[in-house]
């Protein structure tokens, strides 16, 4: 495998808002637009382009949206774990991390969706993460960083902050935009298209792993959906024309675990 592209999606429902105390007590649970409106559009688009993706979902969604998770799996996509309620993972102690991981794995397992991968909310791992991941049976993780590599028997498949939709669209990413681009201003969808086009061209020429990261709740406007369709169309065309594999992360991780001496992908984790 000279090069690989993974299409991934993060967050479902009101999990993060519950964790941050931003969900109104009077608002019923289980009706979030990211699940009722955005997710069907995303799944329809993936089916249209014949692409399989990885969805990192919070464990609480197994209770709030079991049918949606089963629908993701039935469509041929991977369901992986993204905390219990989108906790800032690097701030947890080892006991909290272990408890939340076990709860999340068990909740998905009870639906028949045993997760193999984990993406830490906030992008960073804790000092105990690798040991805990291995103990609960995970085979890979996807923190912020670049390249890809192995830590023991755990495959590490990072994403890059500057390539995700949230980096471009959300006011809360102003600090990262200022550091990376010199401006805190929110960017238009066309800027995301340009960033990802450059990244796809780079993986075409240089090889290695490119992990794309989108959020269903950020894919509701027509303009953003059009950009998502254009980028995913480029991914499909790249995989069809070149020696580039497009697959869910669990399949890329399985390949890496069989060939642990892969060195050309130069793993580097983001500590910021």
C-alpha atoms as a PDB file:
ATOM      1  CA  UNK A   1       0.000   0.000   0.000  1.00  0.00           C
ATOM      2  CA  UNK A   2       1.878   3.083  -1.237  1.00  0.00           C
ATOM      3  CA  UNK A   3      -0.830   5.540  -0.305  1.00  0.00           C
ATOM      4  CA  UNK A   4      -4.220   5.513   1.389  1.00  0.00           C
ATOM      5  CA  UNK A   5      -7.098   7.926   1.904  1.00  0.00           C
ATOM      6  CA  UNK A   6      -9.611   7.441   4.710  1.00  0.00           C
ATOM      7  CA  UNK A   7     -12.896   9.347   4.780  1.00  0.00           C
ATOM      8  CA  UNK A   8     -14.041   9.859   8.369  1.00  0.00           C
ATOM      9  CA  UNK A   9     -16.858  11.644  10.182  1.00  0.00           C
ATOM     10  CA  UNK A  10     -16.958  12.777  13.822  1.00  0.00           C
ATOM     11  CA  UNK A  11     -19.746  13.531  16.305  1.00  0.00           C
ATOM     12  CA  UNK A  12     -23.398  12.656  16.264  1.00  0.00           C
ATOM     13  CA  UNK A  13     -26.357  14.086  18.082  1.00  0.00           C
ATOM     14  CA  UNK A  14     -26.259  16.210  21.203  1.00  0.00           C
ATOM     15  CA  UNK A  15     -23.406  14.345  22.943  1.00  0.00           C
ATOM     16  CA  UNK A  16     -20.941  17.256  22.963  1.00  0.00           C
ATOM     17  CA  UNK A  17     -23.588  19.762  24.028  1.00  0.00           C
ATOM     18  CA  UNK A  18     -24.603  17.507  26.917  1.00  0.00           C
ATOM     19  CA  UNK A  19     -20.980  17.215  28.020  1.00  0.00           C
ATOM     20  CA  UNK A  20     -20.477  20.997  27.924  1.00  0.00           C
ATOM     21  CA  UNK A  21     -23.747  21.747  29.703  1.00  0.00           C
ATOM     22  CA  UNK A  22     -25.120  23.534  26.639  1.00  0.00           C
ATOM     23  CA  UNK A  23     -28.200  21.347  26.071  1.00  0.00           C
ATOM     24  CA  UNK A  24     -31.417  22.948  27.428  1.00  0.00           C
ATOM     25  CA  UNK A  25     -33.131  20.894  30.116  1.00  0.00           C
ATOM     26  CA  UNK A  26     -36.450  21.468  28.373  1.00  0.00           C
ATOM     27  CA  UNK A  27     -35.234  20.128  25.023  1.00  0.00           C
ATOM     28  CA  UNK A  28     -35.995  16.436  24.372  1.00  0.00           C
ATOM     29  CA  UNK A  29     -33.148  14.103  23.528  1.00  0.00           C
ATOM     30  CA  UNK A  30     -32.893  11.949  20.429  1.00  0.00           C
ATOM     31  CA  UNK A  31     -33.996  14.455  17.786  1.00  0.00           C
ATOM     32  CA  UNK A  32     -30.752  16.227  16.879  1.00  0.00           C
ATOM     33  CA  UNK A  33     -30.590  17.551  13.320  1.00  0.00           C
ATOM     34  CA  UNK A  34     -27.133  16.039  12.769  1.00  0.00           C
ATOM     35  CA  UNK A  35     -28.861  12.649  12.921  1.00  0.00           C
ATOM     36  CA  UNK A  36     -32.328  13.400  11.566  1.00  0.00           C
ATOM     37  CA  UNK A  37     -31.274  15.648   8.643  1.00  0.00           C
ATOM     38  CA  UNK A  38     -27.531  15.675   8.027  1.00  0.00           C
ATOM     39  CA  UNK A  39     -26.664  11.997   8.469  1.00  0.00           C
ATOM     40  CA  UNK A  40     -29.131  10.718   5.820  1.00  0.00           C
ATOM     41  CA  UNK A  41     -27.654  13.190   3.312  1.00  0.00           C
ATOM     42  CA  UNK A  42     -24.127  12.072   4.110  1.00  0.00           C
ATOM     43  CA  UNK A  43     -25.012   8.398   3.782  1.00  0.00           C
ATOM     44  CA  UNK A  44     -26.824   9.060   0.515  1.00  0.00           C
ATOM     45  CA  UNK A  45     -23.766  10.872  -0.847  1.00  0.00           C
ATOM     46  CA  UNK A  46     -21.401   8.069   0.158  1.00  0.00           C
ATOM     47  CA  UNK A  47     -23.693   5.533  -1.497  1.00  0.00           C
ATOM     48  CA  UNK A  48     -23.869   7.655  -4.647  1.00  0.00           C
ATOM     49  CA  UNK A  49     -20.065   7.701  -4.868  1.00  0.00           C
ATOM     50  CA  UNK A  50     -19.604   4.088  -3.712  1.00  0.00           C
ATOM     51  CA  UNK A  51     -17.280   5.104  -0.861  1.00  0.00           C
ATOM     52  CA  UNK A  52     -16.980   3.485   2.550  1.00  0.00           C
ATOM     53  CA  UNK A  53     -16.174   5.663   5.550  1.00  0.00           C
ATOM     54  CA  UNK A  54     -15.448   5.528   9.271  1.00  0.00           C
ATOM     55  CA  UNK A  55     -17.875   7.219  11.653  1.00  0.00           C
ATOM     56  CA  UNK A  56     -16.487   8.087  15.082  1.00  0.00           C
ATOM     57  CA  UNK A  57     -19.506   8.312  17.381  1.00  0.00           C
ATOM     58  CA  UNK A  58     -19.880   8.972  21.082  1.00  0.00           C
ATOM     59  CA  UNK A  59     -20.946   5.968  23.136  1.00  0.00           C
ATOM     60  CA  UNK A  60     -24.092   7.689  24.410  1.00  0.00           C
ATOM     61  CA  UNK A  61     -25.424   7.560  20.852  1.00  0.00           C
ATOM     62  CA  UNK A  62     -25.885   3.818  21.256  1.00  0.00           C
ATOM     63  CA  UNK A  63     -28.643   4.751  23.726  1.00  0.00           C
ATOM     64  CA  UNK A  64     -30.018   7.807  21.921  1.00  0.00           C
ATOM     65  CA  UNK A  65     -29.729   6.733  18.264  1.00  0.00           C
ATOM     66  CA  UNK A  66     -29.303   2.953  18.027  1.00  0.00           C
ATOM     67  CA  UNK A  67     -31.151   2.729  14.691  1.00  0.00           C
ATOM     68  CA  UNK A  68     -28.919   5.410  13.162  1.00  0.00           C
ATOM     69  CA  UNK A  69     -25.771   3.543  14.209  1.00  0.00           C
ATOM     70  CA  UNK A  70     -27.131   0.283  12.867  1.00  0.00           C
ATOM     71  CA  UNK A  71     -27.966   2.086   9.621  1.00  0.00           C
ATOM     72  CA  UNK A  72     -24.385   3.310   9.278  1.00  0.00           C
ATOM     73  CA  UNK A  73     -23.135  -0.239   9.713  1.00  0.00           C
ATOM     74  CA  UNK A  74     -25.731  -1.698   7.345  1.00  0.00           C
ATOM     75  CA  UNK A  75     -24.575   0.722   4.642  1.00  0.00           C
ATOM     76  CA  UNK A  76     -21.080  -0.798   4.811  1.00  0.00           C
ATOM     77  CA  UNK A  77     -19.355   1.825   6.930  1.00  0.00           C
ATOM     78  CA  UNK A  78     -17.295   1.446  10.083  1.00  0.00           C
ATOM     79  CA  UNK A  79     -18.638   2.566  13.458  1.00  0.00           C
ATOM     80  CA  UNK A  80     -15.795   3.557  15.791  1.00  0.00           C
ATOM     81  CA  UNK A  81     -15.679   5.294  19.181  1.00  0.00           C
ATOM     82  CA  UNK A  82     -15.317   8.986  20.039  1.00  0.00           C
ATOM     83  CA  UNK A  83     -15.572   9.041  23.832  1.00  0.00           C
ATOM     84  CA  UNK A  84     -18.799   8.703  25.799  1.00  0.00           C
ATOM     85  CA  UNK A  85     -20.088  12.288  25.571  1.00  0.00           C
ATOM     86  CA  UNK A  86     -17.193  13.933  23.701  1.00  0.00           C
ATOM     87  CA  UNK A  87     -15.005  14.453  26.764  1.00  0.00           C
ATOM     88  CA  UNK A  88     -11.705  16.353  26.326  1.00  0.00           C
ATOM     89  CA  UNK A  89      -9.679  13.170  26.317  1.00  0.00           C
ATOM     90  CA  UNK A  90      -6.227  14.482  27.263  1.00  0.00           C
ATOM     91  CA  UNK A  91      -7.658  15.920  30.502  1.00  0.00           C
ATOM     92  CA  UNK A  92      -8.875  12.559  31.837  1.00  0.00           C
ATOM     93  CA  UNK A  93      -7.007  10.514  34.407  1.00  0.00           C
ATOM     94  CA  UNK A  94      -6.360   6.830  33.741  1.00  0.00           C
ATOM     95  CA  UNK A  95      -9.358   5.622  35.775  1.00  0.00           C
ATOM     96  CA  UNK A  96     -11.781   7.957  33.987  1.00  0.00           C
ATOM     97  CA  UNK A  97     -10.366   7.014  30.610  1.00  0.00           C
ATOM     98  CA  UNK A  98     -10.672   3.308  31.277  1.00  0.00           C
ATOM     99  CA  UNK A  99     -14.244   3.618  32.595  1.00  0.00           C
ATOM    100  CA  UNK A 100     -15.472   5.725  29.676  1.00  0.00           C
ATOM    101  CA  UNK A 101     -13.817   3.473  27.120  1.00  0.00           C
ATOM    102  CA  UNK A 102     -15.297   0.340  28.656  1.00  0.00           C
ATOM    103  CA  UNK A 103     -18.744   1.952  28.777  1.00  0.00           C
ATOM    104  CA  UNK A 104     -18.488   3.033  25.144  1.00  0.00           C
ATOM    105  CA  UNK A 105     -17.189  -0.305  23.880  1.00  0.00           C
ATOM    106  CA  UNK A 106     -19.905  -2.171  25.798  1.00  0.00           C
ATOM    107  CA  UNK A 107     -22.697   0.114  24.533  1.00  0.00           C
ATOM    108  CA  UNK A 108     -21.690  -0.386  20.901  1.00  0.00           C
ATOM    109  CA  UNK A 109     -20.982  -4.075  21.442  1.00  0.00           C
ATOM    110  CA  UNK A 110     -24.540  -4.588  22.690  1.00  0.00           C
ATOM    111  CA  UNK A 111     -25.742  -3.340  19.298  1.00  0.00           C
ATOM    112  CA  UNK A 112     -23.435  -5.794  17.545  1.00  0.00           C
ATOM    113  CA  UNK A 113     -21.064  -2.965  16.572  1.00  0.00           C
ATOM    114  CA  UNK A 114     -17.856  -3.910  18.370  1.00  0.00           C
ATOM    115  CA  UNK A 115     -15.546  -0.912  17.793  1.00  0.00           C
ATOM    116  CA  UNK A 116     -11.919  -1.426  16.812  1.00  0.00           C
ATOM    117  CA  UNK A 117     -10.867   2.225  16.640  1.00  0.00           C
ATOM    118  CA  UNK A 118     -10.963   5.370  18.739  1.00  0.00           C
ATOM    119  CA  UNK A 119     -10.534   9.070  18.007  1.00  0.00           C
ATOM    120  CA  UNK A 120      -9.878  11.241  21.075  1.00  0.00           C
ATOM    121  CA  UNK A 121     -12.151  14.294  21.351  1.00  0.00           C
ATOM    122  CA  UNK A 122      -9.805  17.260  21.390  1.00  0.00           C
ATOM    123  CA  UNK A 123      -7.302  15.360  19.238  1.00  0.00           C
ATOM    124  CA  UNK A 124      -4.764  14.464  21.932  1.00  0.00           C
ATOM    125  CA  UNK A 125      -4.154  11.230  23.791  1.00  0.00           C
ATOM    126  CA  UNK A 126      -3.476  10.980  27.505  1.00  0.00           C
ATOM    127  CA  UNK A 127      -0.331   9.404  28.946  1.00  0.00           C
ATOM    128  CA  UNK A 128      -2.273   6.203  29.678  1.00  0.00           C
ATOM    129  CA  UNK A 129      -4.185   5.974  26.387  1.00  0.00           C
ATOM    130  CA  UNK A 130      -2.101   3.408  24.525  1.00  0.00           C
ATOM    131  CA  UNK A 131      -2.162   0.951  27.412  1.00  0.00           C
ATOM    132  CA  UNK A 132      -5.894   1.402  28.006  1.00  0.00           C
ATOM    133  CA  UNK A 133      -6.736   1.083  24.302  1.00  0.00           C
ATOM    134  CA  UNK A 134      -4.881  -2.208  24.128  1.00  0.00           C
ATOM    135  CA  UNK A 135      -6.541  -3.485  27.309  1.00  0.00           C
ATOM    136  CA  UNK A 136     -10.069  -2.899  25.970  1.00  0.00           C
ATOM    137  CA  UNK A 137      -9.311  -4.537  22.631  1.00  0.00           C
ATOM    138  CA  UNK A 138      -8.920  -1.553  20.307  1.00  0.00           C
ATOM    139  CA  UNK A 139      -6.565  -2.050  17.364  1.00  0.00           C
ATOM    140  CA  UNK A 140      -6.019   1.581  16.332  1.00  0.00           C
ATOM    141  CA  UNK A 141      -6.490   5.211  17.289  1.00  0.00           C
ATOM    142  CA  UNK A 142      -6.754   8.414  15.253  1.00  0.00           C
ATOM    143  CA  UNK A 143      -5.423  11.464  17.115  1.00  0.00           C
ATOM    144  CA  UNK A 144      -4.201  14.746  15.652  1.00  0.00           C
ATOM    145  CA  UNK A 145      -0.874  14.542  13.882  1.00  0.00           C
ATOM    146  CA  UNK A 146       0.633  13.506  10.568  1.00  0.00           C
ATOM    147  CA  UNK A 147       1.694  10.349   8.779  1.00  0.00           C
ATOM    148  CA  UNK A 148       0.940   7.003  10.397  1.00  0.00           C
ATOM    149  CA  UNK A 149       2.764   4.350  12.376  1.00  0.00           C
ATOM    150  CA  UNK A 150       2.703   1.761  15.119  1.00  0.00           C
ATOM    151  CA  UNK A 151       3.043   2.136  18.879  1.00  0.00           C
ATOM    152  CA  UNK A 152       3.496  -1.439  19.995  1.00  0.00           C
ATOM    153  CA  UNK A 153       0.607  -3.344  18.422  1.00  0.00           C
ATOM    154  CA  UNK A 154      -1.585  -0.239  18.199  1.00  0.00           C
ATOM    155  CA  UNK A 155      -1.867   1.376  14.773  1.00  0.00           C
ATOM    156  CA  UNK A 156      -1.892   5.188  14.950  1.00  0.00           C
ATOM    157  CA  UNK A 157      -3.655   6.907  12.023  1.00  0.00           C
ATOM    158  CA  UNK A 158      -3.739  10.676  12.570  1.00  0.00           C
ATOM    159  CA  UNK A 159      -5.714  13.543  11.082  1.00  0.00           C
ATOM    160  CA  UNK A 160      -4.419  17.078  10.445  1.00  0.00           C
ATOM    161  CA  UNK A 161      -6.226  20.008  12.101  1.00  0.00           C
ATOM    162  CA  UNK A 162      -5.804  22.363   9.143  1.00  0.00           C
ATOM    163  CA  UNK A 163      -7.615  19.958   6.805  1.00  0.00           C
ATOM    164  CA  UNK A 164     -10.865  19.444   8.735  1.00  0.00           C
ATOM    165  CA  UNK A 165     -14.136  21.243   8.075  1.00  0.00           C
ATOM    166  CA  UNK A 166     -14.343  22.566  11.654  1.00  0.00           C
ATOM    167  CA  UNK A 167     -10.981  24.333  11.226  1.00  0.00           C
ATOM    168  CA  UNK A 168     -12.488  26.282   8.340  1.00  0.00           C
ATOM    169  CA  UNK A 169     -16.048  26.833   9.548  1.00  0.00           C
ATOM    170  CA  UNK A 170     -16.198  27.167  13.347  1.00  0.00           C
ATOM    171  CA  UNK A 171     -15.502  30.406  15.288  1.00  0.00           C
ATOM    172  CA  UNK A 172     -14.010  28.299  18.097  1.00  0.00           C
ATOM    173  CA  UNK A 173     -11.087  27.393  15.820  1.00  0.00           C
ATOM    174  CA  UNK A 174     -10.002  31.044  15.502  1.00  0.00           C
ATOM    175  CA  UNK A 175      -6.805  30.431  17.463  1.00  0.00           C
ATOM    176  CA  UNK A 176      -5.729  27.552  15.246  1.00  0.00           C
ATOM    177  CA  UNK A 177      -6.491  29.585  12.108  1.00  0.00           C
ATOM    178  CA  UNK A 178      -4.472  32.506  13.441  1.00  0.00           C
ATOM    179  CA  UNK A 179      -1.493  30.240  14.165  1.00  0.00           C
ATOM    180  CA  UNK A 180      -1.679  28.427  10.835  1.00  0.00           C
ATOM    181  CA  UNK A 181      -2.859  31.153   8.475  1.00  0.00           C
ATOM    182  CA  UNK A 182      -2.296  34.458  10.245  1.00  0.00           C
ATOM    183  CA  UNK A 183      -6.013  35.243  10.421  1.00  0.00           C
ATOM    184  CA  UNK A 184      -8.729  34.139  12.857  1.00  0.00           C
ATOM    185  CA  UNK A 185     -11.542  34.690  10.357  1.00  0.00           C
ATOM    186  CA  UNK A 186     -13.979  31.909   9.479  1.00  0.00           C
ATOM    187  CA  UNK A 187     -13.268  30.519   6.005  1.00  0.00           C
ATOM    188  CA  UNK A 188     -15.749  29.753   3.200  1.00  0.00           C
ATOM    189  CA  UNK A 189     -16.424  26.249   1.872  1.00  0.00           C
ATOM    190  CA  UNK A 190     -14.328  26.991  -1.208  1.00  0.00           C
ATOM    191  CA  UNK A 191     -11.284  27.309   1.067  1.00  0.00           C
ATOM    192  CA  UNK A 192     -11.905  23.821   2.435  1.00  0.00           C
ATOM    193  CA  UNK A 193     -12.143  22.514  -1.116  1.00  0.00           C
ATOM    194  CA  UNK A 194      -8.825  24.153  -1.979  1.00  0.00           C
ATOM    195  CA  UNK A 195      -7.080  22.780   1.135  1.00  0.00           C
ATOM    196  CA  UNK A 196      -8.269  19.244   0.515  1.00  0.00           C
ATOM    197  CA  UNK A 197      -7.490  19.395  -3.200  1.00  0.00           C
ATOM    198  CA  UNK A 198      -3.887  20.227  -2.305  1.00  0.00           C
ATOM    199  CA  UNK A 199      -3.744  17.395   0.226  1.00  0.00           C
ATOM    200  CA  UNK A 200      -5.121  14.890  -2.295  1.00  0.00           C
ATOM    201  CA  UNK A 201      -2.581  15.981  -4.885  1.00  0.00           C
ATOM    202  CA  UNK A 202       0.177  15.542  -2.297  1.00  0.00           C
ATOM    203  CA  UNK A 203      -0.873  12.014  -1.352  1.00  0.00           C
ATOM    204  CA  UNK A 204      -1.082  11.196  -5.072  1.00  0.00           C
ATOM    205  CA  UNK A 205       2.528  12.274  -5.615  1.00  0.00           C
ATOM    206  CA  UNK A 206       4.184  11.457  -2.279  1.00  0.00           C
ATOM    207  CA  UNK A 207       2.224   8.507  -0.914  1.00  0.00           C
ATOM    208  CA  UNK A 208       1.504   7.955   2.815  1.00  0.00           C
ATOM    209  CA  UNK A 209      -1.856   8.256   4.582  1.00  0.00           C
ATOM    210  CA  UNK A 210      -4.390  11.078   4.294  1.00  0.00           C
ATOM    211  CA  UNK A 211      -7.228  11.021   6.813  1.00  0.00           C
ATOM    212  CA  UNK A 212     -10.097  13.314   5.882  1.00  0.00           C
ATOM    213  CA  UNK A 213     -12.347  14.445   8.744  1.00  0.00           C
ATOM    214  CA  UNK A 214     -15.832  15.912   8.391  1.00  0.00           C
ATOM    215  CA  UNK A 215     -18.705  16.561  10.801  1.00  0.00           C
ATOM    216  CA  UNK A 216     -22.314  15.795   9.825  1.00  0.00           C
ATOM    217  CA  UNK A 217     -23.583  18.817  11.770  1.00  0.00           C
ATOM    218  CA  UNK A 218     -21.415  21.063   9.572  1.00  0.00           C
ATOM    219  CA  UNK A 219     -22.789  19.599   6.329  1.00  0.00           C
ATOM    220  CA  UNK A 220     -26.320  20.996   6.365  1.00  0.00           C
ATOM    221  CA  UNK A 221     -26.096  23.982   3.988  1.00  0.00           C
ATOM    222  CA  UNK A 222     -26.282  23.426   0.232  1.00  0.00           C
ATOM    223  CA  UNK A 223     -22.899  25.083  -0.347  1.00  0.00           C
ATOM    224  CA  UNK A 224     -21.147  22.869   2.193  1.00  0.00           C
ATOM    225  CA  UNK A 225     -22.807  19.731   0.873  1.00  0.00           C
ATOM    226  CA  UNK A 226     -21.674  20.681  -2.645  1.00  0.00           C
ATOM    227  CA  UNK A 227     -18.070  21.021  -1.447  1.00  0.00           C
ATOM    228  CA  UNK A 228     -18.295  17.705   0.398  1.00  0.00           C
ATOM    229  CA  UNK A 229     -19.612  16.052  -2.764  1.00  0.00           C
ATOM    230  CA  UNK A 230     -16.810  17.575  -4.857  1.00  0.00           C
ATOM    231  CA  UNK A 231     -14.089  16.436  -2.424  1.00  0.00           C
ATOM    232  CA  UNK A 232     -15.477  12.922  -2.111  1.00  0.00           C
ATOM    233  CA  UNK A 233     -15.804  12.708  -5.883  1.00  0.00           C
ATOM    234  CA  UNK A 234     -12.112  13.559  -6.121  1.00  0.00           C
ATOM    235  CA  UNK A 235     -11.338  10.806  -3.592  1.00  0.00           C
ATOM    236  CA  UNK A 236     -13.304   8.282  -5.645  1.00  0.00           C
ATOM    237  CA  UNK A 237     -11.541   9.315  -8.845  1.00  0.00           C
ATOM    238  CA  UNK A 238      -8.120   9.213  -7.178  1.00  0.00           C
ATOM    239  CA  UNK A 239      -8.669   5.712  -5.838  1.00  0.00           C
ATOM    240  CA  UNK A 240      -9.952   4.519  -9.224  1.00  0.00           C
ATOM    241  CA  UNK A 241      -7.109   5.957 -11.266  1.00  0.00           C
ATOM    242  CA  UNK A 242      -3.980   5.568  -9.118  1.00  0.00           C
ATOM    243  CA  UNK A 243      -2.377   3.125  -6.685  1.00  0.00           C
ATOM    244  CA  UNK A 244      -4.187   4.813  -3.810  1.00  0.00           C
ATOM    245  CA  UNK A 245      -6.461   2.809  -1.530  1.00  0.00           C
ATOM    246  CA  UNK A 246      -9.624   4.358  -0.089  1.00  0.00           C
ATOM    247  CA  UNK A 247     -10.909   2.317   2.850  1.00  0.00           C
ATOM    248  CA  UNK A 248     -12.267   2.593   6.394  1.00  0.00           C
ATOM    249  CA  UNK A 249      -9.571   3.096   8.989  1.00  0.00           C
ATOM    250  CA  UNK A 250      -9.997  -0.365  10.507  1.00  0.00           C
ATOM    251  CA  UNK A 251      -8.895  -1.929   7.206  1.00  0.00           C
ATOM    252  CA  UNK A 252      -5.854   0.335   6.905  1.00  0.00           C
ATOM    253  CA  UNK A 253      -5.000  -0.430  10.539  1.00  0.00           C
ATOM    254  CA  UNK A 254      -5.301  -4.171   9.917  1.00  0.00           C
ATOM    255  CA  UNK A 255      -2.839  -3.888   7.016  1.00  0.00           C
ATOM    256  CA  UNK A 256      -0.413  -1.918   9.176  1.00  0.00           C
ATOM    257  CA  UNK A 257      -0.602  -4.444  12.005  1.00  0.00           C
ATOM    258  CA  UNK A 258       0.379  -7.159   9.530  1.00  0.00           C
ATOM    259  CA  UNK A 259       3.335  -5.070   8.346  1.00  0.00           C
ATOM    260  CA  UNK A 260       4.511  -3.233  11.489  1.00  0.00           C
ATOM    261  CA  UNK A 261       7.782  -2.100   9.949  1.00  0.00           C
ATOM    262  CA  UNK A 262       6.110   0.428   7.649  1.00  0.00           C
ATOM    263  CA  UNK A 263       8.426   3.428   7.959  1.00  0.00           C
ATOM    264  CA  UNK A 264       7.659   5.673   5.011  1.00  0.00           C
ATOM    265  CA  UNK A 265       4.587   7.240   6.593  1.00  0.00           C
ATOM    266  CA  UNK A 266       6.551   9.043   9.374  1.00  0.00           C
ATOM    267  CA  UNK A 267       4.226   9.235  12.348  1.00  0.00           C
ATOM    268  CA  UNK A 268       4.180  12.558  14.202  1.00  0.00           C
ATOM    269  CA  UNK A 269       1.603  13.385  16.894  1.00  0.00           C
ATOM    270  CA  UNK A 270       0.275  16.888  17.577  1.00  0.00           C
ATOM    271  CA  UNK A 271       1.004  18.008  21.137  1.00  0.00           C
ATOM    272  CA  UNK A 272      -0.720  21.414  20.873  1.00  0.00           C
END
